């Protein structure tokens, strides 16, 4: 296959241009300054050689030498272990477990709800109320700068794409929440976050 034969890096990421899971994976790659080739996939026109890598059209998909991974959560935890600096998960088991619980809620509850609720730059009002309550609940966990920490981590990587999209469609949840507002600005100002944005995501503003 041409892409694999001609690659300049051991790691390839096949990513959708406007996808929560793809976005958080790109953030992790940029935060860790991983040398990787990121290929943007047009879901309506996927080349056959990419279909061989991801036969069920699951994205993001990551290739690291002979290893192929197709689940965003698996990919970001793999990258955190494969490239341990800077660490994006806590060292102690209790904090790590709490992070994983938060990740589960984001990816299995809020990501699907956002995708289901979003329609032509409008969000279902029920979802808006629910997501507002969620961010109010986790606001105390952001008091040290990032989620339950002074350091940027995988939960922040996962919340960032959601906050970016909500702000884009004028659902700025931070307008009446100073802590959340500072948290959002802190994330959006990170060099890695800015580098993670596709042209599609940049045009959201």
Protein backbone atom coordinates (compact mmCIF):
# COMPACT_ATOMS: atom_id res chain seq x y z
CA UNK A 1 0.00 0.00 0.00
CA UNK A 2 1.30 3.42 -0.98
CA UNK A 3 0.61 5.16 2.33
CA UNK A 4 2.36 2.51 4.38
CA UNK A 5 5.21 2.04 1.92
CA UNK A 6 5.96 5.76 1.64
CA UNK A 7 5.41 6.81 5.23
CA UNK A 8 8.09 8.97 6.82
CA UNK A 9 7.12 8.11 10.38
CA UNK A 10 6.51 4.87 12.26
CA UNK A 11 3.15 6.24 13.40
CA UNK A 12 0.22 7.08 11.16
CA UNK A 13 -3.09 8.50 12.35
CA UNK A 14 -6.17 8.43 10.14
CA UNK A 15 -8.47 11.10 11.48
CA UNK A 16 -11.81 12.67 10.60
CA UNK A 17 -11.75 16.49 10.23
CA UNK A 18 -14.61 17.23 12.65
CA UNK A 19 -14.92 14.38 15.12
CA UNK A 20 -14.70 14.50 18.91
CA UNK A 21 -12.75 11.25 19.19
CA UNK A 22 -10.37 12.16 16.37
CA UNK A 23 -9.80 15.60 17.87
CA UNK A 24 -8.85 14.37 21.33
CA UNK A 25 -6.45 11.86 19.76
CA UNK A 26 -4.76 14.66 17.81
CA UNK A 27 -4.48 16.71 21.02
CA UNK A 28 -2.65 13.83 22.73
CA UNK A 29 -0.24 13.48 19.81
CA UNK A 30 0.54 17.21 19.84
CA UNK A 31 0.84 17.40 23.65
CA UNK A 32 3.42 14.63 23.62
CA UNK A 33 5.16 16.04 20.56
CA UNK A 34 4.96 12.64 18.88
CA UNK A 35 6.39 12.40 15.40
CA UNK A 36 3.38 11.13 13.48
CA UNK A 37 1.79 11.51 10.07
CA UNK A 38 -1.81 12.63 10.43
CA UNK A 39 -3.99 11.87 7.42
CA UNK A 40 -7.38 13.54 7.20
CA UNK A 41 -10.04 11.11 6.00
CA UNK A 42 -13.02 12.13 3.91
CA UNK A 43 -15.68 9.78 5.26
CA UNK A 44 -17.61 10.01 1.98
CA UNK A 45 -14.60 9.10 -0.13
CA UNK A 46 -12.30 6.68 1.69
CA UNK A 47 -9.45 5.24 -0.42
CA UNK A 48 -9.27 1.46 -0.63
CA UNK A 49 -5.84 1.34 1.02
CA UNK A 50 -7.29 3.02 4.11
CA UNK A 51 -10.27 0.66 4.08
CA UNK A 52 -7.79 -2.21 4.34
CA UNK A 53 -6.39 -0.65 7.51
CA UNK A 54 -9.84 0.16 8.89
CA UNK A 55 -12.29 -2.23 7.18
CA UNK A 56 -15.20 -1.18 9.42
CA UNK A 57 -14.57 2.55 8.86
CA UNK A 58 -13.72 3.18 12.49
CA UNK A 59 -11.87 6.44 13.06
CA UNK A 60 -9.53 7.53 14.39
CA UNK A 61 -7.27 4.64 13.39
CA UNK A 62 -3.63 4.49 14.39
CA UNK A 63 -0.83 2.47 12.82
CA UNK A 64 2.40 2.01 14.76
CA UNK A 65 4.70 -0.26 12.76
CA UNK A 66 2.71 -3.53 12.60
CA UNK A 67 0.15 -2.54 15.24
CA UNK A 68 -3.25 -1.18 14.18
CA UNK A 69 -5.60 0.40 16.74
CA UNK A 70 -9.11 1.68 16.04
CA UNK A 71 -10.57 2.85 19.32
CA UNK A 72 -9.85 6.39 20.49
CA UNK A 73 -9.65 5.45 24.16
CA UNK A 74 -7.32 2.54 23.44
CA UNK A 75 -5.21 4.79 21.20
CA UNK A 76 -4.76 7.64 23.69
CA UNK A 77 -3.90 5.30 26.58
CA UNK A 78 -1.51 3.39 24.33
CA UNK A 79 0.22 6.63 23.33
CA UNK A 80 0.43 7.70 26.97
CA UNK A 81 2.27 4.47 27.81
CA UNK A 82 4.33 4.33 24.62
CA UNK A 83 5.48 7.95 25.06
CA UNK A 84 5.48 8.46 28.84
CA UNK A 85 6.52 12.14 28.89
CA UNK A 86 4.63 14.17 29.76
CA UNK A 87 2.33 11.71 31.55
CA UNK A 88 -1.36 12.36 30.94
CA UNK A 89 -2.70 9.94 33.55
CA UNK A 90 -1.95 10.13 37.29
CA UNK A 91 0.56 7.72 38.78
CA UNK A 92 -1.42 6.66 41.84
CA UNK A 93 -4.12 3.98 41.31
CA UNK A 94 -6.97 5.87 42.99
CA UNK A 95 -6.57 9.05 40.92
CA UNK A 96 -6.02 6.98 37.79
CA UNK A 97 -9.28 5.10 38.44
CA UNK A 98 -11.14 8.40 38.93
CA UNK A 99 -9.72 9.69 35.64
CA UNK A 100 -10.89 6.56 33.85
CA UNK A 101 -14.38 6.90 35.30
CA UNK A 102 -14.49 10.48 34.02
CA UNK A 103 -13.24 9.36 30.59
CA UNK A 104 -15.94 6.69 30.44
CA UNK A 105 -18.66 9.23 31.17
CA UNK A 106 -17.36 11.67 28.55
CA UNK A 107 -16.93 9.17 25.73
CA UNK A 108 -19.94 6.94 26.39
CA UNK A 109 -22.43 9.58 27.50
CA UNK A 110 -21.53 13.13 26.43
CA UNK A 111 -19.89 12.49 23.07
CA UNK A 112 -22.82 10.40 21.76
CA UNK A 113 -25.37 12.85 23.20
CA UNK A 114 -23.65 15.78 21.52
CA UNK A 115 -23.47 13.96 18.19
CA UNK A 116 -27.13 12.98 18.43
CA UNK A 117 -28.31 16.43 19.56
CA UNK A 118 -26.32 18.54 17.10
CA UNK A 119 -28.22 19.41 13.95
CA UNK A 120 -27.34 22.29 11.63
CA UNK A 121 -25.67 24.45 14.30
CA UNK A 122 -28.51 23.90 16.76
CA UNK A 123 -28.49 21.75 19.89
CA UNK A 124 -31.44 20.06 21.50
CA UNK A 125 -32.47 22.20 24.50
CA UNK A 126 -32.66 19.17 26.79
CA UNK A 127 -29.05 18.34 25.99
CA UNK A 128 -27.99 21.94 26.66
CA UNK A 129 -29.55 21.83 30.13
CA UNK A 130 -27.92 18.47 30.85
CA UNK A 131 -24.44 19.52 29.73
CA UNK A 132 -24.71 22.77 31.73
CA UNK A 133 -25.47 20.75 34.86
CA UNK A 134 -22.59 18.40 34.12
CA UNK A 135 -20.06 21.22 33.86
CA UNK A 136 -21.44 22.80 37.03
CA UNK A 137 -20.88 19.48 38.81
CA UNK A 138 -17.28 19.13 37.68
CA UNK A 139 -16.32 22.81 38.17
CA UNK A 140 -14.87 22.15 41.68
CA UNK A 141 -12.57 19.56 40.08
CA UNK A 142 -11.04 22.28 37.88
CA UNK A 143 -9.94 24.58 40.71
CA UNK A 144 -6.25 23.59 40.46
CA UNK A 145 -6.07 24.55 36.79
CA UNK A 146 -6.97 21.29 35.12
CA UNK A 147 -9.20 18.30 35.87
CA UNK A 148 -8.29 17.15 39.41
CA UNK A 149 -4.72 18.28 38.84
CA UNK A 150 -2.30 21.13 38.26
CA UNK A 151 -1.19 19.29 35.13
CA UNK A 152 -2.94 18.80 31.80
CA UNK A 153 -4.23 15.24 31.36
CA UNK A 154 -6.35 12.84 29.31
CA UNK A 155 -9.62 14.10 30.79
CA UNK A 156 -8.73 17.63 29.67
CA UNK A 157 -7.86 16.25 26.22
CA UNK A 158 -11.34 14.74 26.11
CA UNK A 159 -13.27 17.76 27.42
CA UNK A 160 -11.49 20.21 25.11
CA UNK A 161 -13.15 19.15 21.81
CA UNK A 162 -16.58 19.32 23.45
CA UNK A 163 -16.01 22.79 24.91
CA UNK A 164 -14.64 24.05 21.57
CA UNK A 165 -17.74 22.93 19.69
CA UNK A 166 -20.19 24.20 22.29
CA UNK A 167 -18.57 27.63 22.20
CA UNK A 168 -18.76 27.60 18.40
CA UNK A 169 -22.53 27.34 18.35
CA UNK A 170 -23.03 30.08 20.94
CA UNK A 171 -23.51 27.73 23.87
CA UNK A 172 -20.68 29.29 25.85
CA UNK A 173 -21.17 27.45 29.12
CA UNK A 174 -18.37 29.46 30.67
CA UNK A 175 -20.14 32.84 30.41
CA UNK A 176 -21.56 32.60 33.95
CA UNK A 177 -18.89 30.32 35.38
CA UNK A 178 -15.53 32.04 35.93
CA UNK A 179 -13.70 28.84 36.84
CA UNK A 180 -14.93 27.07 33.72
CA UNK A 181 -14.18 30.16 31.62
CA UNK A 182 -10.59 30.29 32.84
CA UNK A 183 -10.27 26.55 32.32
CA UNK A 184 -11.54 26.76 28.73
CA UNK A 185 -9.24 29.68 27.89
CA UNK A 186 -6.28 27.87 29.44
CA UNK A 187 -6.90 24.84 27.23
CA UNK A 188 -7.64 26.77 24.03
CA UNK A 189 -4.44 28.81 24.51
CA UNK A 190 -2.24 25.72 24.68
CA UNK A 191 0.05 25.40 21.69
CA UNK A 192 -0.77 21.71 21.35
CA UNK A 193 -4.50 22.44 21.21
CA UNK A 194 -4.06 25.04 18.48
CA UNK A 195 -1.84 22.65 16.50
CA UNK A 196 -4.42 19.88 16.85
CA UNK A 197 -7.14 21.82 15.03
CA UNK A 198 -8.03 20.87 11.47
CA UNK A 199 -9.05 23.55 8.99
CA UNK A 200 -12.66 22.47 9.53
CA UNK A 201 -12.34 22.93 13.30
CA UNK A 202 -10.58 26.29 12.92
CA UNK A 203 -13.51 27.51 10.84
CA UNK A 204 -15.89 26.78 13.69
CA UNK A 205 -15.12 30.32 14.89
